[in-house]
Protein backbone atom coordinates (compact mmCIF):
# COMPACT_ATOMS: atom_id res chain seq x y z
CA MET A 1 -5.85 -49.47 -33.36
CA ASP A 2 -9.43 -51.10 -33.25
CA GLU A 3 -9.87 -51.35 -29.44
CA HIS A 4 -10.67 -48.28 -27.44
CA LEU A 5 -7.86 -46.26 -25.43
CA THR A 6 -6.94 -47.93 -22.36
CA SER A 7 -7.37 -45.62 -19.02
CA GLN A 8 -3.23 -45.31 -18.88
CA GLN A 9 -3.65 -43.99 -22.52
CA VAL A 10 -6.14 -41.52 -21.69
CA SER A 11 -4.07 -40.39 -18.71
CA ASP A 12 -0.93 -39.98 -20.83
CA TRP A 13 -2.75 -38.20 -23.70
CA ARG A 14 -4.05 -35.65 -21.22
CA ALA A 15 -0.60 -35.21 -19.32
CA GLY A 16 1.24 -34.93 -22.58
CA VAL A 17 3.30 -37.82 -22.01
CA THR A 18 2.11 -40.35 -24.73
CA PRO A 19 5.32 -42.23 -25.88
CA ALA A 20 6.49 -40.97 -29.21
CA GLU A 21 5.81 -44.47 -30.77
CA GLU A 22 2.01 -44.36 -29.92
CA ILE A 23 1.21 -40.64 -30.77
CA LEU A 24 0.37 -41.41 -34.22
CA ARG A 25 -1.72 -44.47 -33.47
CA VAL A 26 -3.51 -42.62 -30.63
CA ASP A 27 -4.38 -39.69 -32.82
CA ASP A 28 -5.61 -41.81 -35.79
CA HIS A 29 -7.92 -43.78 -33.45
CA LEU A 30 -9.41 -40.53 -31.81
CA ALA A 31 -10.04 -39.21 -35.45
CA VAL A 32 -12.59 -42.19 -35.93
CA CYS A 33 -13.57 -43.09 -32.23
CA GLU A 34 -16.26 -40.91 -31.05
CA LYS A 35 -16.32 -42.77 -27.65
CA CYS A 36 -12.65 -42.09 -26.82
CA ARG A 37 -13.12 -38.65 -27.59
CA LEU A 38 -15.95 -38.33 -25.21
CA ARG A 39 -13.83 -39.84 -22.57
CA LEU A 40 -11.21 -37.47 -23.05
CA SER A 41 -13.43 -34.62 -23.00
CA ALA A 42 -15.11 -35.86 -19.85
CA ALA A 43 -11.90 -36.34 -18.36
CA ASP A 44 -11.20 -32.66 -19.06
CA ASP A 45 -14.35 -31.37 -17.59
CA SER A 46 -13.83 -33.39 -14.48
CA ARG A 47 -10.13 -31.80 -13.90
CA ILE A 48 -11.69 -28.58 -14.67
CA ALA A 49 -14.64 -28.99 -12.39
CA GLY A 50 -11.93 -30.28 -9.53
CA ILE A 51 -9.97 -26.88 -10.00
CA GLN A 52 -12.85 -25.01 -9.83
CA ALA A 53 -13.93 -26.44 -6.82
CA GLU A 54 -10.63 -25.97 -5.02
CA PHE A 55 -9.64 -22.50 -6.45
CA LEU A 56 -12.98 -20.94 -7.64
CA SER A 57 -15.22 -21.84 -4.69
CA PRO A 58 -17.19 -18.74 -3.97
CA HIS A 59 -16.49 -16.79 -0.53
CA LEU A 60 -18.97 -15.28 1.42
CA SER A 61 -20.01 -11.82 -0.06
CA GLU A 62 -19.51 -8.87 1.86
CA ALA A 63 -23.24 -8.49 2.44
CA GLU A 64 -22.93 -11.90 4.06
CA LEU A 65 -19.76 -10.79 6.20
CA ASP A 66 -21.69 -7.96 7.30
CA VAL A 67 -24.80 -9.97 8.47
CA TYR A 68 -22.10 -12.11 10.49
CA ALA A 69 -20.26 -8.87 11.69
CA GLN A 70 -23.50 -7.47 13.03
CA GLY A 71 -24.03 -11.02 15.19
CA ASN A 72 -26.96 -11.94 13.06
CA ALA A 73 -27.76 -15.46 11.68
CA LEU A 74 -26.39 -16.53 8.32
CA THR A 75 -28.19 -18.63 5.98
CA LYS A 76 -27.62 -22.26 6.10
CA ASP A 77 -25.47 -22.53 2.90
CA ALA A 78 -23.38 -19.23 4.33
CA ALA A 79 -23.13 -20.86 7.56
CA THR A 80 -21.82 -24.29 6.00
CA HIS A 81 -19.24 -22.29 4.13
CA LEU A 82 -17.92 -20.46 7.14
CA GLU A 83 -17.38 -23.80 8.74
CA GLU A 84 -15.60 -25.18 5.95
CA CYS A 85 -13.44 -22.52 4.46
CA ALA A 86 -10.78 -21.01 6.77
CA GLU A 87 -10.16 -18.21 5.04
CA CYS A 88 -13.59 -16.87 5.35
CA ARG A 89 -13.77 -17.96 8.92
CA ASP A 90 -10.58 -16.12 10.02
CA GLU A 91 -11.77 -12.97 8.17
CA ALA A 92 -15.42 -13.35 9.67
CA ARG A 93 -13.92 -13.49 13.00
CA ASP A 94 -11.59 -10.46 12.63
CA LEU A 95 -14.30 -8.46 11.13
CA ARG A 96 -17.00 -9.38 13.88
CA GLN A 97 -14.19 -8.54 16.50
CA PHE A 98 -13.50 -5.17 14.82
CA ALA A 99 -17.07 -4.06 14.21
CA SER A 100 -17.99 -4.73 17.83
CA ALA A 101 -15.12 -2.53 18.88
CA SER A 102 -16.03 0.06 16.32
CA ARG A 103 -19.37 0.43 17.85
CA LYS A 104 -18.29 1.06 21.36
CA VAL A 105 -16.64 4.18 19.91
CA VAL A 106 -19.96 6.06 19.86
CA GLU A 107 -20.45 7.21 23.54
CA PHE A 108 -22.78 10.35 24.90
CA PRO A 109 -21.47 11.20 28.31
CA THR A 110 -23.08 14.68 28.03
CA ALA A 111 -24.68 16.50 25.41
CA ALA A 112 -21.77 19.21 25.83
CA LYS A 113 -18.90 16.74 25.13
CA VAL A 114 -20.29 15.02 22.02
CA GLN A 115 -17.94 15.59 19.08
CA TRP A 116 -20.41 15.14 16.28
CA HIS A 117 -17.92 14.74 13.48
CA ALA A 118 -16.29 11.60 15.15
CA ILE A 119 -19.77 10.11 16.04
CA ALA A 120 -20.86 10.66 12.43
CA ALA A 121 -17.82 8.97 11.00
CA THR A 122 -18.41 6.02 13.25
CA ILE A 123 -22.08 5.74 12.06
CA ALA A 124 -21.09 5.97 8.62
CA ILE A 125 -18.34 3.18 9.04
CA ALA A 126 -21.28 0.94 10.55
CA ALA A 127 -23.94 1.88 8.09
CA LEU A 128 -21.41 1.12 5.15
CA GLY A 129 -20.45 -2.15 6.52
CA PHE A 130 -17.27 -3.41 7.86
CA ALA A 131 -16.35 -5.69 5.16
CA GLY A 132 -14.83 -2.96 3.31
CA TRP A 133 -11.33 -3.19 5.01
CA LEU A 134 -11.02 -6.55 3.95
CA ALA A 135 -11.69 -6.18 0.46
CA ASP A 136 -8.52 -6.56 -0.93
CA ARG A 137 -9.54 -9.85 -2.46
CA ARG A 138 -12.81 -8.62 -3.38
CA SER A 139 -13.65 -5.26 -4.07
CA PRO A 140 -11.81 -1.85 -3.44
CA ALA A 141 -15.03 -0.02 -3.22
CA LEU A 142 -15.39 1.37 0.28
CA PRO A 143 -16.25 4.92 -0.04
CA MET A 144 -13.34 6.16 2.18
CA GLU A 145 -14.37 9.63 2.06
CA ALA A 146 -17.15 8.67 4.80
CA ILE A 147 -14.35 8.12 7.43
CA GLY A 148 -13.68 11.08 9.62
CA SER A 149 -9.99 12.26 9.29
CA ASP A 150 -7.25 11.45 6.84
CA MET A 151 -5.16 9.51 9.15
CA ALA A 152 -8.42 7.24 9.55
CA ARG A 153 -8.83 6.80 6.08
CA ASP A 154 -4.92 5.68 6.21
CA VAL A 155 -5.87 3.13 8.93
CA TYR A 156 -8.51 1.43 6.89
CA ALA A 157 -6.74 1.60 3.81
CA THR A 158 -3.96 -0.48 5.37
CA MET A 159 -6.56 -2.83 6.67
CA ARG A 160 -8.00 -3.18 2.90
CA SER A 161 -4.31 -3.77 1.42
CA GLY A 162 -2.74 -5.56 4.11
CA LYS A 163 0.40 -3.59 3.70
CA LEU A 164 1.54 -1.53 6.44
CA GLN A 165 3.03 2.00 5.98
CA PHE A 166 5.97 3.43 7.98
CA PRO A 167 8.31 6.26 7.70
CA VAL A 168 11.50 4.99 6.20
CA GLU A 169 13.57 7.62 8.17
CA ILE A 170 12.77 5.82 11.51
CA ALA A 171 13.38 2.52 9.99
CA GLY A 172 16.70 4.00 8.99
CA LEU A 173 17.74 4.37 12.63
CA ALA A 174 19.01 0.74 12.46
CA TYR A 175 21.97 1.80 10.51
CA SER A 176 24.72 3.32 11.93
CA VAL A 177 28.75 3.34 12.13
CA ARG A 178 31.00 3.07 14.81
CA LEU A 179 33.27 6.13 15.21
CA ARG A 180 36.04 3.85 16.44
CA SER A 181 37.22 -0.11 16.26
CA PRO A 182 35.52 -2.29 18.49
CA ALA A 183 38.02 -3.84 21.14
CA PRO A 184 38.83 -7.42 20.86
CA SER A 185 36.12 -9.71 22.38
CA SER A 186 36.43 -13.06 24.07
CA GLY A 187 32.98 -14.07 22.66
CA SER A 188 29.47 -12.94 22.64
CA SER A 189 27.71 -11.78 26.07
CA PRO A 190 23.84 -12.23 26.67
CA PHE A 191 23.81 -8.85 28.04
CA ARG A 192 22.28 -6.37 25.46
CA ALA A 193 20.16 -3.19 25.12
CA ILE A 194 16.51 -4.28 24.26
CA SER A 195 14.30 -0.97 23.64
CA PRO A 196 13.92 1.48 22.46
CA ILE A 197 16.01 0.81 19.07
CA ALA A 198 15.25 1.80 15.57
CA THR A 199 11.81 3.18 16.79
CA ALA A 200 10.17 6.40 17.47
CA VAL A 201 8.63 6.99 20.80
CA LEU A 202 5.51 9.19 21.64
CA ASP A 203 6.54 9.84 25.23
CA GLY A 204 9.59 11.98 25.83
CA ARG A 205 10.35 9.88 29.06
CA PRO A 206 10.75 6.47 27.47
CA VAL A 207 11.37 3.33 29.15
CA PHE A 208 14.81 2.01 28.64
CA ARG A 209 15.12 -1.70 28.93
CA TRP A 210 17.90 -4.27 28.99
CA THR A 211 18.80 -8.04 29.81
CA SER A 212 19.36 -8.48 33.54
CA ILE A 213 22.54 -9.66 35.13
CA GLN A 214 22.23 -11.16 38.47
CA GLY A 215 24.03 -9.04 41.35
CA ALA A 216 24.87 -6.03 38.87
CA THR A 217 24.41 -2.40 39.38
CA TYR A 218 23.23 -0.40 36.01
CA SER A 219 23.80 3.04 34.79
CA VAL A 220 22.20 4.47 31.72
CA ALA A 221 23.45 7.28 29.61
CA VAL A 222 21.59 8.97 26.71
CA TYR A 223 23.04 11.07 24.13
CA ASP A 224 21.67 13.39 21.42
CA ASP A 225 22.75 12.98 17.70
CA HIS A 226 25.82 15.12 18.04
CA PHE A 227 27.11 12.92 20.93
CA HIS A 228 26.40 15.44 23.64
CA GLU A 229 24.94 13.61 27.09
CA VAL A 230 21.44 14.57 27.67
CA ALA A 231 20.42 12.19 30.67
CA GLN A 232 22.11 9.90 33.17
CA SER A 233 20.30 7.36 35.35
CA GLY A 234 23.02 7.06 38.26
CA PRO A 235 23.41 3.74 39.78
CA ILE A 236 20.10 1.53 39.62
CA LYS A 237 19.36 -2.08 40.37
CA ALA A 238 16.37 -2.83 38.27
CA PRO A 239 16.81 -3.59 34.39
CA GLU A 240 14.91 -0.62 33.30
CA TRP A 241 14.90 3.11 33.71
CA ARG A 242 12.73 6.10 32.76
CA PRO A 243 14.28 9.49 32.95
CA GLU A 244 13.16 12.07 35.09
CA LYS A 245 12.88 15.04 32.60
CA PRO A 246 11.44 14.62 29.07
CA LEU A 247 13.89 14.68 26.05
CA ALA A 248 13.42 17.50 23.65
CA ARG A 249 10.90 16.32 21.03
CA GLY A 250 12.07 15.95 17.53
CA GLY A 251 15.57 14.77 18.42
CA VAL A 252 17.51 11.54 17.47
CA TYR A 253 19.00 9.81 20.44
CA ARG A 254 21.22 7.06 21.33
CA TRP A 255 21.85 5.21 24.51
CA GLU A 256 23.94 2.60 26.47
CA VAL A 257 23.69 0.83 29.60
CA ILE A 258 26.84 -0.33 31.66
CA ALA A 259 26.39 -3.15 34.22
CA ALA A 260 28.79 -3.29 37.11
CA ARG A 261 29.42 -6.15 39.23
CA GLY A 262 32.24 -5.96 41.58
CA ALA A 263 35.47 -5.13 39.44
CA LYS A 264 33.92 -6.06 36.32
CA GLU A 265 31.95 -3.80 33.83
CA GLU A 266 30.07 -4.73 30.57
CA ARG A 267 28.38 -2.50 28.21
CA ALA A 268 25.31 -2.66 25.92
CA PRO A 269 25.28 -2.38 23.12
CA GLY A 270 28.77 -3.81 22.82
CA PRO A 271 31.59 -2.64 20.79
CA ALA A 272 30.47 -4.84 17.68
CA ASP A 273 26.66 -4.31 18.12
CA PRO A 274 24.30 -1.91 16.28
CA GLU A 275 23.99 1.32 18.02
CA ALA A 276 20.67 1.69 20.26
CA ARG A 277 19.07 4.76 18.31
CA PHE A 278 15.70 5.96 18.50
CA ALA A 279 13.73 9.25 17.80
CA VAL A 280 11.01 11.34 19.83
CA LEU A 281 8.12 12.36 17.86
CA ASP A 282 8.03 16.22 17.28
CA ASP A 283 5.02 18.38 18.68
CA PHE A 284 3.24 18.22 15.36
CA SER A 285 3.55 14.47 14.97
CA ALA A 286 2.55 13.51 18.49
CA ALA A 287 -0.29 16.01 18.32
CA LYS A 288 -1.62 14.48 14.91
CA PHE A 289 -1.22 11.03 16.32
CA VAL A 290 -3.47 12.09 19.23
CA ASP A 291 -6.16 13.26 16.84
CA ALA A 292 -5.90 10.30 14.69
CA ARG A 293 -6.29 7.85 17.73
CA ALA A 294 -9.46 9.77 18.72
CA SER A 295 -10.90 9.05 15.32
CA ILE A 296 -10.32 5.14 15.19
CA PRO A 297 -11.66 2.42 17.14
CA HIS A 298 -9.64 1.54 20.01
CA THR A 299 -8.77 -2.16 18.67
CA PRO A 300 -5.17 -3.47 18.82
CA LEU A 301 -5.12 -3.83 15.05
CA ALA A 302 -6.08 -0.54 14.38
CA LEU A 303 -3.83 1.22 16.96
CA GLY A 304 -0.76 -1.14 15.72
CA ILE A 305 -1.48 0.02 12.32
CA LEU A 306 -1.30 3.78 13.70
CA TYR A 307 1.86 3.45 15.56
CA ALA A 308 3.39 1.85 12.69
CA ARG A 309 2.29 4.56 10.46
CA PHE A 310 4.16 7.17 12.91
CA GLY A 311 7.32 5.03 13.26
CA ALA A 312 6.57 3.72 17.04
CA PHE A 313 7.49 0.08 15.95
CA ASP A 314 7.72 -1.02 19.42
CA ASP A 315 4.35 -0.01 20.32
CA ALA A 316 2.92 -1.36 16.98
CA ARG A 317 4.60 -4.84 17.90
CA ARG A 318 3.02 -4.90 21.20
CA GLU A 319 -0.47 -4.32 19.83
CA PHE A 320 -0.14 -6.58 17.14
CA GLU A 321 1.18 -9.45 19.42
CA SER A 322 -1.77 -8.97 21.76
CA VAL A 323 -4.24 -10.39 19.26
CA ALA A 324 -1.96 -12.32 16.78
CA ALA A 325 -3.47 -15.73 17.98
CA GLN A 326 -6.98 -14.67 17.21
CA GLN A 327 -6.41 -12.35 14.10
CA PRO A 328 -4.55 -13.47 10.88
CA LEU A 329 -4.08 -9.98 9.85
CA ALA A 330 -2.07 -8.91 12.96
CA LYS A 331 0.36 -11.89 12.04
CA LYS A 332 0.77 -10.74 8.48
CA PHE A 333 1.75 -7.26 9.96
CA LEU A 334 4.13 -8.75 12.32
CA ALA A 335 5.96 -10.54 9.70
CA GLN A 336 6.19 -7.05 7.68
CA LEU A 337 7.80 -5.68 11.12
CA ASP A 338 10.21 -8.59 11.04
CA GLN A 339 11.18 -8.08 7.48
CA MET A 340 12.08 -4.35 7.99
CA PRO A 341 15.73 -3.45 7.91
CA ALA A 342 17.22 -4.96 11.09
CA PRO A 343 20.18 -3.29 12.81
CA MET A 344 23.42 -4.13 10.93
CA PRO A 345 26.86 -5.05 12.63
CA MET A 346 29.13 -2.04 13.12
CA ILE A 347 31.47 -1.03 10.51
CA PRO A 348 34.53 0.73 12.40
CA ALA A 349 35.67 3.64 10.68
CA GLN A 350 39.05 3.45 9.31
C-alpha cells in the first residue's frame, strides 16, 4: 500500500471495524508511514478532547458557588459557565435560595429571648459556605459538627447525599391484610380515601380527606390497631373531617368513610383496596421534631427532609411539591417518595 490511508480507512481503524482483508495491509503501511501514524494520533487526540469537553468540563467551585449564594458578582468566566451549564445553574439557584432563607433564621427580638446556640449554629453555617450541602459531586468536607443539633446534621447530610432517610416501619403501613374476603364488585369506583394513608402525622387531630360524590352524606370511623372504634364523625357533607378529640400518641390507626346517597352506600377504602392506615407520632418523637424544626432554616426543602425523616410523608410531599418547579433536588426527593412501597391490593384471609 503505497498511497496514504483514506479518511474512511482511518475512521474504520480507530473504530476497530477495518475489514479482515485490509488489516495486515493497513498495519504494514502504518509501520512505515509517519504521516498516517500522526493522522491517527491527531484523530485520537481530537476524540479525547471532545470527551473531555463534554464530560470533564470544570464546574463552578465551592468558592464560586458561595460567591453566587451571597448575591455577589461572579468572574466573567464563571458567569459564562453558569449560563451554559444547566447543572451548575440549577444548583446555584437552589443554593442562593437556601442561603437567603438560612440568613433569616437569625433574629434578635429581645435579649432575653435570644437562643445563642441556635444563632451560633446559623452563623457557623453561613461562615462555612452553603455549597457544602451540594458537595456529593464535589467534596464531602462540610464540617457537620458546626451545625447545631444531631437532627439538623441529618437534614444537611441528606442534602449532600441527595438520598432521603425515612423510618421503614411507617412505610410498612402500606402493607396489610383483610380479615374477610371482598364482596363481588361490579366495577371500580372513583370514591376513595385520600389521606392520611401509610404516613405518620404530628397532630393528634389529623384531617381526613376523600374524594367527593355529588349529593352524598359521609360518615368517618377511626379504629385503633385492635379494631376498636376510637372516633366517629357522624353525618357530614364536606369531603373532609377533623376529629374533635386528639387520637392517642404513638398509636397506629385505620379509618374508613361511607358515602350515603339515598338508599345507596359506598365505602372507602373498598373491599379490594389497601387499608387506610397511619400512625400518630409519640410524645418523644413529636418533641424531637419540634426541636429539630427550630434548629433549621424554614425552607420547604429542609422541612420536607425533616418530615420524611419522621415518616410524615404526606407533609414531606406537600413541602417538596411547593418548590419542585424551582428546585431540582425537590423533584429528586419526590421521585424517592414515589418509589417507596406502594399500598398493595388486599389478599383475603382464607
